[in-house]
Protein backbone atom coordinates (compact mmCIF):
# COMPACT_ATOMS: atom_id res chain seq x y z
CA MET A 1 11.91 -18.17 -75.83
CA LEU A 2 15.41 -16.74 -75.44
CA SER A 3 17.50 -17.69 -72.43
CA ASN A 4 17.79 -15.15 -69.63
CA LYS A 5 21.56 -15.37 -69.83
CA ILE A 6 23.23 -13.04 -72.26
CA GLY A 7 25.67 -14.67 -74.65
CA TYR A 8 27.28 -12.76 -77.35
CA VAL A 9 28.12 -13.21 -80.97
CA ARG A 10 30.55 -11.15 -82.88
CA ILE A 11 31.56 -11.64 -86.44
CA ALA A 12 34.66 -9.85 -87.59
CA PHE A 13 35.31 -9.91 -91.29
CA ARG A 14 38.73 -9.69 -92.77
CA ASN A 15 39.40 -9.39 -96.52
CA ILE A 16 42.23 -11.36 -98.09
CA GLN A 17 43.02 -8.35 -100.28
CA ALA A 18 44.21 -5.41 -98.22
CA PHE A 19 43.00 -2.86 -100.73
CA CYS A 20 39.46 -4.27 -100.46
CA LEU A 21 39.29 -3.70 -96.74
CA GLY A 22 36.40 -1.54 -95.68
CA VAL A 23 33.98 -1.26 -92.84
CA PHE A 24 30.98 -3.52 -92.33
CA VAL A 25 28.21 -3.17 -89.82
CA LEU A 26 27.78 -5.72 -87.12
CA VAL A 27 24.54 -5.55 -85.16
CA LEU A 28 23.90 -7.74 -82.16
CA PHE A 29 20.58 -8.41 -80.50
CA SER A 30 19.99 -10.06 -77.14
CA CYS A 31 17.33 -10.33 -74.50
CA GLU A 32 17.53 -8.63 -71.14
CA ALA A 33 19.99 -10.06 -68.69
CA SER A 34 19.36 -11.14 -65.16
CA ASN A 35 22.92 -12.28 -64.51
CA LYS A 36 25.35 -9.43 -64.08
CA ASP A 37 28.32 -11.73 -64.64
CA ASP A 38 27.28 -12.49 -68.24
CA ALA A 39 29.20 -10.72 -71.01
CA LEU A 40 27.43 -7.80 -72.63
CA PRO A 41 26.95 -7.82 -76.40
CA ASP A 42 29.95 -6.47 -78.26
CA ILE A 43 28.86 -4.15 -81.05
CA GLU A 44 31.47 -3.42 -83.70
CA VAL A 45 30.64 -1.53 -86.90
CA LYS A 46 32.34 -2.38 -90.19
CA THR A 47 31.27 -2.45 -93.86
CA LEU A 48 32.72 -4.57 -96.66
CA THR A 49 32.38 -3.89 -100.37
CA VAL A 50 34.28 -6.17 -102.76
CA GLY A 51 35.06 -6.39 -106.47
CA ALA A 52 33.34 -8.46 -109.13
CA ALA A 53 35.97 -11.20 -109.24
CA GLY A 54 35.39 -14.41 -107.28
CA TYR A 55 37.54 -14.94 -104.19
CA SER A 56 37.62 -16.44 -100.68
CA GLN A 57 36.60 -14.26 -97.77
CA PHE A 58 37.01 -15.13 -94.11
CA ALA A 59 35.03 -14.25 -91.00
CA TYR A 60 35.53 -14.97 -87.32
CA VAL A 61 32.45 -15.89 -85.32
CA LYS A 62 32.78 -15.28 -81.61
CA ALA A 63 29.99 -16.90 -79.62
CA SER A 64 29.32 -18.26 -76.15
CA GLY A 65 27.48 -21.33 -77.40
CA ALA A 66 26.04 -23.07 -80.45
CA TRP A 67 25.41 -20.93 -83.55
CA SER A 68 24.44 -21.18 -87.20
CA VAL A 69 25.03 -18.98 -90.24
CA ASP A 70 22.51 -18.06 -92.91
CA VAL A 71 23.17 -16.01 -96.07
CA SER A 72 20.31 -14.25 -97.80
CA GLU A 73 19.88 -11.72 -100.58
CA ASP A 74 19.50 -8.18 -99.32
CA GLY A 75 15.95 -8.13 -100.71
CA GLY A 76 15.08 -11.63 -99.48
CA GLY A 77 15.71 -15.15 -100.73
CA LYS A 78 18.82 -17.30 -100.52
CA ALA A 79 22.14 -15.83 -101.74
CA SER A 80 23.53 -18.88 -103.53
CA TRP A 81 26.61 -16.97 -104.67
CA VAL A 82 28.06 -17.00 -101.14
CA THR A 83 29.02 -20.38 -99.65
CA VAL A 84 29.72 -20.68 -95.91
CA VAL A 85 31.95 -23.39 -94.42
CA PRO A 86 31.15 -24.43 -91.74
CA ALA A 87 27.58 -23.15 -91.54
CA SER A 88 27.23 -24.00 -87.85
CA GLY A 89 29.42 -24.51 -84.83
CA ASP A 90 29.84 -24.19 -81.09
CA GLY A 91 31.95 -21.44 -79.55
CA SER A 92 34.32 -19.05 -81.30
CA LYS A 93 35.55 -20.25 -84.68
CA SER A 94 36.78 -19.06 -88.07
CA ILE A 95 34.56 -19.64 -91.09
CA SER A 96 35.25 -19.23 -94.79
CA LEU A 97 32.99 -17.42 -97.25
CA ASP A 98 33.50 -18.39 -100.88
CA VAL A 99 32.16 -15.57 -103.06
CA ALA A 100 31.44 -16.44 -106.70
CA ALA A 101 32.31 -14.03 -109.50
CA ASN A 102 29.59 -11.52 -110.35
CA ASP A 103 29.02 -11.82 -114.11
CA SER A 104 26.24 -9.25 -114.20
CA ASP A 105 26.72 -5.53 -114.57
CA ALA A 106 24.69 -4.76 -111.43
CA ASP A 107 25.97 -4.72 -107.86
CA ARG A 108 24.54 -7.29 -105.47
CA SER A 109 24.35 -7.58 -101.70
CA ALA A 110 24.01 -10.43 -99.22
CA VAL A 111 23.19 -10.38 -95.53
CA ILE A 112 25.20 -12.84 -93.44
CA THR A 113 23.38 -13.62 -90.20
CA VAL A 114 24.81 -15.54 -87.26
CA THR A 115 22.21 -16.84 -84.82
CA SER A 116 22.65 -18.24 -81.32
CA LYS A 117 20.39 -18.58 -78.29
CA ALA A 118 21.59 -15.14 -77.20
CA GLY A 119 20.45 -13.38 -80.34
CA GLU A 120 21.70 -12.49 -83.79
CA ALA A 121 24.59 -10.70 -85.48
CA SER A 122 24.28 -9.64 -89.09
CA ALA A 123 26.57 -8.03 -91.63
CA LYS A 124 25.93 -6.83 -95.16
CA LEU A 125 28.38 -7.80 -97.90
CA THR A 126 28.16 -5.93 -101.22
CA GLN A 127 29.82 -7.16 -104.41
CA LYS A 128 30.32 -4.81 -107.33
CA GLY A 129 29.05 -5.72 -110.77
CA LYS A 130 31.45 -6.25 -113.66
CA ALA A 131 30.33 -2.92 -115.16
CA SER A 132 32.21 -1.21 -112.32
CA VAL A 133 35.51 -2.71 -113.52
CA LYS A 134 37.04 -0.11 -115.83
CA PRO A 135 40.15 -1.12 -117.79
CA ASP A 136 43.24 1.03 -117.47
CA PRO A 137 43.56 2.89 -120.81
CA ASP A 138 47.34 3.08 -120.38
CA PRO A 139 48.48 0.21 -118.13
CA THR A 140 52.02 0.16 -116.83
CA PRO A 141 53.46 -3.34 -117.19
CA ASP A 142 55.12 -4.92 -114.18
CA PRO A 143 57.20 -7.91 -115.29
CA GLU A 144 57.85 -9.01 -111.71
CA PRO A 145 54.77 -8.17 -109.66
CA ASN A 146 55.00 -8.31 -105.89
CA GLY A 147 51.95 -9.89 -104.30
CA GLY A 148 50.57 -9.34 -100.85
CA ASN A 149 50.20 -6.04 -99.06
CA LEU A 150 53.83 -5.36 -98.09
CA SER A 151 56.04 -3.34 -100.44
CA PRO A 152 59.71 -4.32 -100.81
CA GLU A 153 60.48 -0.64 -100.30
CA THR A 154 59.13 -0.62 -96.74
CA ARG A 155 61.80 0.79 -94.39
CA TRP A 156 61.04 -1.13 -91.20
CA MET A 157 64.26 -2.08 -89.48
CA GLU A 158 63.40 -5.76 -88.95
CA LEU A 159 62.80 -6.55 -92.61
CA PRO A 160 65.19 -8.62 -94.71
CA ALA A 161 65.50 -7.80 -98.40
CA ILE A 162 62.35 -8.88 -100.29
CA SER A 163 63.11 -10.27 -103.73
CA SER A 164 61.11 -9.19 -106.76
CA GLY A 165 58.21 -11.54 -107.36
CA THR A 166 58.06 -12.65 -103.73
CA ASP A 167 54.65 -12.34 -102.09
CA ALA A 168 55.07 -10.42 -98.84
CA PHE A 169 52.42 -9.59 -96.26
CA THR A 170 52.02 -7.70 -93.01
CA HIS A 171 49.45 -7.88 -90.23
CA PRO A 172 48.72 -4.62 -88.41
CA MET A 173 47.63 -4.31 -84.79
CA THR A 174 46.61 -1.60 -82.36
CA VAL A 175 48.50 -1.05 -79.11
CA GLY A 176 46.62 1.37 -76.92
CA SER A 177 45.57 4.02 -79.39
CA THR A 178 48.51 3.47 -81.74
CA ARG A 179 48.16 1.58 -85.02
CA THR A 180 51.36 -0.33 -85.70
CA ARG A 181 52.66 -3.52 -87.28
CA ASN A 182 52.27 -6.91 -85.67
CA TYR A 183 54.46 -9.02 -87.96
CA SER A 184 55.39 -9.45 -91.61
CA PHE A 185 56.15 -12.57 -93.62
CA ILE A 186 56.82 -13.96 -97.07
CA TRP A 187 54.95 -16.99 -98.38
CA ASP A 188 56.11 -20.22 -100.02
CA TYR A 189 53.10 -21.54 -101.93
CA ASP A 190 54.76 -24.86 -102.76
CA ASN A 191 55.74 -25.87 -99.23
CA LEU A 192 52.88 -23.99 -97.45
CA ILE A 193 55.15 -22.27 -94.95
CA ALA A 194 56.56 -18.80 -94.35
CA PRO A 195 60.35 -18.87 -94.97
CA TRP A 196 60.65 -15.99 -92.52
CA VAL A 197 58.52 -13.89 -90.16
CA ALA A 198 59.81 -10.47 -89.06
CA TYR A 199 58.64 -8.25 -86.21
CA PRO A 200 59.73 -5.62 -83.69
CA LEU A 201 59.74 -6.67 -80.05
CA CYS A 202 59.75 -4.42 -76.97
CA LYS A 203 57.91 -4.09 -73.64
CA TRP A 204 55.34 -1.80 -75.26
CA ASN A 205 54.13 -4.22 -77.94
CA MET A 206 54.87 -7.49 -76.13
CA LYS A 207 53.31 -7.38 -72.69
CA GLY A 208 49.64 -7.31 -71.76
CA SER A 209 46.85 -9.33 -70.24
CA SER A 210 45.39 -11.12 -73.27
CA GLY A 211 46.95 -14.46 -72.43
CA ARG A 212 47.15 -17.26 -74.96
CA THR A 213 44.02 -17.12 -77.13
CA ASP A 214 44.42 -20.43 -79.03
CA ALA A 215 42.36 -18.73 -81.76
CA TRP A 216 43.54 -21.09 -84.51
CA ALA A 217 42.32 -19.70 -87.81
CA LEU A 218 42.93 -19.18 -91.50
CA ASP A 219 44.99 -16.16 -92.45
CA PRO A 220 42.63 -13.55 -94.00
CA LEU A 221 45.41 -12.33 -96.33
CA LEU A 222 45.58 -15.58 -98.32
CA PRO A 223 43.01 -17.77 -100.10
CA ALA A 224 42.08 -20.90 -98.16
CA ASP A 225 43.52 -23.23 -100.81
CA LYS A 226 46.90 -21.46 -100.71
CA GLN A 227 47.54 -21.95 -96.97
CA PRO A 228 47.39 -24.80 -94.46
CA VAL A 229 44.15 -25.29 -92.53
CA LEU A 230 45.33 -25.80 -88.95
CA THR A 231 42.34 -25.18 -86.70
CA GLY A 232 43.21 -28.67 -85.49
CA ALA A 233 46.60 -30.32 -85.10
CA TYR A 234 48.71 -31.47 -88.07
CA ARG A 235 47.70 -34.89 -89.34
CA GLU A 236 50.32 -37.58 -89.77
CA GLY A 237 52.21 -37.40 -93.06
CA ASN A 238 55.14 -39.59 -94.09
CA SER A 239 57.32 -39.08 -91.03
CA GLY A 240 55.24 -39.13 -87.84
CA TRP A 241 53.47 -36.43 -85.85
CA TYR A 242 54.40 -32.76 -85.52
CA SER A 243 53.33 -29.83 -83.39
CA ARG A 244 52.04 -26.55 -84.75
CA GLY A 245 55.19 -24.49 -84.13
CA HIS A 246 54.88 -20.70 -83.95
CA GLN A 247 57.38 -18.49 -85.74
CA ILE A 248 56.33 -15.36 -83.87
CA ALA A 249 55.51 -16.79 -80.47
CA SER A 250 52.13 -16.31 -78.82
CA ALA A 251 53.90 -14.91 -75.75
CA ASP A 252 55.47 -12.21 -77.96
CA ARG A 253 52.04 -10.59 -78.46
CA GLN A 254 50.03 -10.33 -75.24
CA THR A 255 48.87 -6.73 -75.72
CA SER A 256 45.35 -7.65 -76.88
CA TYR A 257 43.16 -10.55 -77.96
CA SER A 258 43.38 -9.42 -81.57
CA ALA A 259 47.19 -9.12 -81.56
CA ASN A 260 47.63 -12.53 -79.97
CA SER A 261 45.05 -14.26 -82.17
CA MET A 262 47.04 -13.30 -85.29
CA THR A 263 49.92 -15.47 -84.04
CA PHE A 264 47.58 -18.47 -84.41
CA TYR A 265 47.07 -18.09 -88.17
CA GLY A 266 48.13 -21.19 -90.08
CA THR A 267 50.65 -19.08 -92.01
CA ASN A 268 52.61 -18.52 -88.78
CA MET A 269 52.92 -22.29 -88.19
CA THR A 270 55.40 -24.90 -89.31
CA PRO A 271 55.49 -28.62 -88.43
CA GLN A 272 57.93 -28.98 -85.51
CA ILE A 273 59.09 -32.00 -83.56
CA ASN A 274 57.40 -31.65 -80.18
CA ASN A 275 59.46 -33.46 -77.53
CA GLY A 276 63.06 -32.38 -77.73
CA PHE A 277 62.37 -29.34 -79.93
CA ASN A 278 59.14 -27.31 -79.94
CA GLY A 279 58.36 -27.77 -76.24
CA ASP A 280 62.00 -27.71 -75.19
CA ILE A 281 64.97 -26.01 -76.87
CA TRP A 282 62.78 -23.90 -79.20
CA ALA A 283 60.72 -22.69 -76.24
CA THR A 284 63.95 -21.82 -74.43
CA LEU A 285 65.11 -19.76 -77.42
CA GLU A 286 61.75 -17.96 -77.57
CA GLY A 287 62.07 -17.07 -73.89
CA LYS A 288 65.64 -15.89 -74.34
CA VAL A 289 64.60 -13.58 -77.18
CA ARG A 290 61.91 -12.06 -74.93
CA SER A 291 64.48 -11.54 -72.17
CA TRP A 292 66.72 -9.72 -74.68
CA ALA A 293 63.76 -7.53 -75.68
CA ASN A 294 63.03 -6.71 -72.04
CA SER A 295 66.58 -5.33 -71.73
CA SER A 296 66.50 -3.34 -74.97
CA ASP A 297 64.82 -0.26 -76.31
CA THR A 298 63.74 -2.36 -79.31
CA LEU A 299 64.69 -5.80 -80.54
CA TYR A 300 64.12 -6.43 -84.26
CA VAL A 301 63.53 -10.14 -84.85
CA VAL A 302 63.50 -12.43 -87.88
CA THR A 303 62.42 -16.00 -87.25
CA GLY A 304 62.89 -18.37 -90.15
CA CYS A 305 62.79 -21.97 -91.27
CA VAL A 306 64.97 -23.73 -93.81
CA ILE A 307 64.19 -26.51 -96.27
CA ASP A 308 67.42 -28.15 -97.39
CA TYR A 309 66.94 -31.82 -98.21
CA LYS A 310 69.90 -33.47 -99.92
CA ASP A 311 69.68 -35.24 -103.27
CA GLY A 312 68.03 -38.62 -102.74
CA GLU A 313 66.80 -37.73 -99.27
CA THR A 314 63.09 -38.23 -98.61
CA VAL A 315 61.31 -34.91 -98.16
CA LYS A 316 59.30 -35.09 -94.94
CA TYR A 317 55.83 -33.65 -94.75
CA ALA A 318 52.87 -33.33 -92.44
CA LEU A 319 49.24 -32.94 -93.50
CA ASP A 320 46.96 -30.04 -92.71
CA ASN A 321 43.34 -30.60 -91.63
CA ASN A 322 42.25 -30.92 -95.28
CA GLY A 323 45.03 -33.30 -96.29
CA LYS A 324 47.33 -30.76 -98.00
CA LYS A 325 51.04 -31.52 -97.69
CA VAL A 326 53.12 -29.14 -95.55
CA THR A 327 56.88 -29.60 -95.85
CA VAL A 328 58.79 -30.21 -92.62
CA PRO A 329 61.74 -27.77 -92.31
CA THR A 330 65.26 -29.13 -91.83
CA ALA A 331 66.43 -26.22 -89.67
CA TYR A 332 65.29 -23.02 -87.92
CA TYR A 333 66.92 -19.75 -86.96
CA LYS A 334 66.32 -16.53 -85.12
CA VAL A 335 68.36 -13.45 -85.95
CA VAL A 336 67.94 -10.30 -83.87
CA LEU A 337 69.09 -6.70 -84.14
CA ARG A 338 69.21 -4.99 -80.75
CA TYR A 339 68.92 -1.25 -80.29
CA MET A 340 69.76 0.20 -76.90
CA LYS A 341 70.75 3.84 -76.81
CA SER A 342 72.78 3.34 -73.63
CA SER A 343 74.36 0.05 -74.69
CA THR A 344 77.95 -0.59 -73.55
CA PHE A 345 78.68 -2.80 -76.56
CA GLY A 346 77.93 -2.81 -80.27
CA TYR A 347 78.05 0.21 -82.58
CA SER A 348 75.86 3.34 -82.45
CA GLY A 349 73.56 1.50 -80.03
CA TYR A 350 73.11 -1.51 -82.35
CA SER A 351 74.30 -5.09 -81.90
CA ALA A 352 73.19 -8.38 -83.46
CA CYS A 353 73.01 -12.10 -82.81
CA ALA A 354 71.93 -15.11 -84.90
CA VAL A 355 71.01 -18.55 -83.53
CA TRP A 356 70.78 -21.68 -85.70
CA LEU A 357 69.05 -24.93 -84.71
CA ASP A 358 68.93 -28.03 -86.88
CA HIS A 359 65.44 -29.53 -86.71
CA LYS A 360 66.06 -32.60 -84.61
CA VAL A 361 65.56 -33.95 -81.09
CA TYR A 362 67.84 -32.23 -78.56
CA SER A 363 68.69 -33.86 -75.25
CA SER A 364 69.03 -30.49 -73.49
CA LYS A 365 66.76 -27.45 -73.46
CA ALA A 366 69.66 -25.07 -72.89
CA ILE A 367 70.69 -22.39 -75.41
CA ASP A 368 74.25 -21.17 -75.32
CA SER A 369 76.78 -19.45 -77.57
CA SER A 370 77.64 -22.71 -79.41
CA TYR A 371 74.42 -22.27 -81.42
CA SER A 372 75.20 -18.67 -82.39
CA MET A 373 76.83 -16.99 -85.34
CA SER A 374 77.22 -13.51 -86.77
CA VAL A 375 74.62 -12.01 -89.08
CA ASP A 376 77.22 -12.09 -91.84
CA ASP A 377 77.70 -15.84 -91.42
CA LEU A 378 73.96 -16.49 -91.45
CA GLU A 379 73.58 -14.36 -94.58
CA LYS A 380 76.25 -16.42 -96.34
CA LYS A 381 74.58 -19.63 -95.20
CA LEU A 382 71.13 -18.65 -96.48
CA ASP A 383 71.84 -16.04 -99.18
CA ILE A 384 69.48 -13.60 -97.44
CA ASP A 385 70.28 -9.93 -96.77
CA PHE A 386 69.02 -9.34 -93.21
CA PHE A 387 68.29 -5.88 -91.74
CA VAL A 388 68.57 -4.34 -95.17
CA ASN A 389 67.52 -0.92 -93.85
CA LEU A 390 70.24 -0.67 -91.19
CA PRO A 391 72.93 0.99 -93.41
CA ALA A 392 70.58 3.90 -94.16
CA LYS A 393 70.26 4.48 -90.42
CA ILE A 394 73.87 4.27 -89.26
CA GLY A 395 75.94 4.13 -92.45
CA GLU A 396 77.42 1.29 -94.47
CA ASP A 397 80.67 0.98 -92.51
CA VAL A 398 79.05 0.90 -89.08
CA ALA A 399 76.32 -1.49 -90.21
CA ALA A 400 79.01 -3.81 -91.57
CA LYS A 401 80.66 -3.90 -88.13
CA VAL A 402 77.35 -4.74 -86.45
CA GLU A 403 76.67 -7.64 -88.79
CA ALA A 404 80.25 -8.99 -88.59
CA GLU A 405 80.30 -9.02 -84.79
CA ASN A 406 80.54 -12.51 -83.25
CA PRO A 407 77.86 -12.80 -80.54
CA ALA A 408 79.74 -15.65 -78.89
CA ASP A 409 82.33 -13.09 -77.78
CA ILE A 410 79.74 -10.94 -75.95
CA ASP A 411 78.70 -12.23 -72.53
CA TRP A 412 75.50 -10.15 -72.44
CA TRP A 413 73.72 -12.47 -74.88
CA TRP A 414 74.33 -15.56 -72.74
CA ARG A 415 74.09 -14.40 -69.14
């Protein structure tokens, strides 16, 4: 007999291929409640139809207690072509769905059912047959394809230049009733880190009541074997223990549970020294960036990590939860472009500041101008063209002045 306390289960599917995103139906069932303080079932409707090729699909199970997952054919019987890991758990957790290639011409469907004491949630996944795949009679070759779902031609102000052949991604979010971007990143498949993460920051998209979700999960935009699994802490590699260090901070996205949970994807993490870095000077820098955003119309932010081991130097690494090596960065930076229409400094309302931190233990948490440099100097150091869309907004000459400006000479950044 079901408990008289309502729990809830919600399963929210996300496709690793943005063009395969659709809507799948989530139906929840529960018994009547006698406790008014219990959460009501959350019913969200989405459908997902995918192509014939095999791939990894992710789902997020949200539950108030123990649960299990079963996958069956739409007409009955076990759907052996969909593998669920893990198939059971306790509380909210990400799961992976490995979908085998469909070698038949016919479409096929599976029903994924999550069961807890509170009831059930089910979703129908349909995979197209190979007969639905029609070859392009006149394909246009692309010698340097760009993977991910973010085009290098995107004109968002925070974006650096995206090189041809670089896989770039963006996660969207909803603030109020407005659909907007959460953050974008490029991916290094060899080192299993994002060399940079870029995002706009302002009061509108930063503040809210979600709090820190700690919703550690796989990134739905990448296959599981191409990203670190960090639902638990990094395991010890060849150089000690490291924290899961955010590139876009959790506190930068408090507008909703969904927006904040995206900051806990493994692709947003790098292995950081905890005492003397992640929990200290890095946290100070994150707070300073938020204070700059609070005093700006918009602050465009790029957070990045650097791997620059010298010849003969041992490359440090941590291990993810499955034992994959994740390279430990040698340095980090944040570079920001401030827009404030009424600003008393800068050019045409824009000003910029870059901060560089070697990845080491610092005796002080304080951030001051000694860690700063101009955007120009950081670009020369890293060979990256930051804020590539700024010249189109204010002109080449004015943009050059903004990027050449030395932030150490401007008291506003350090007050």
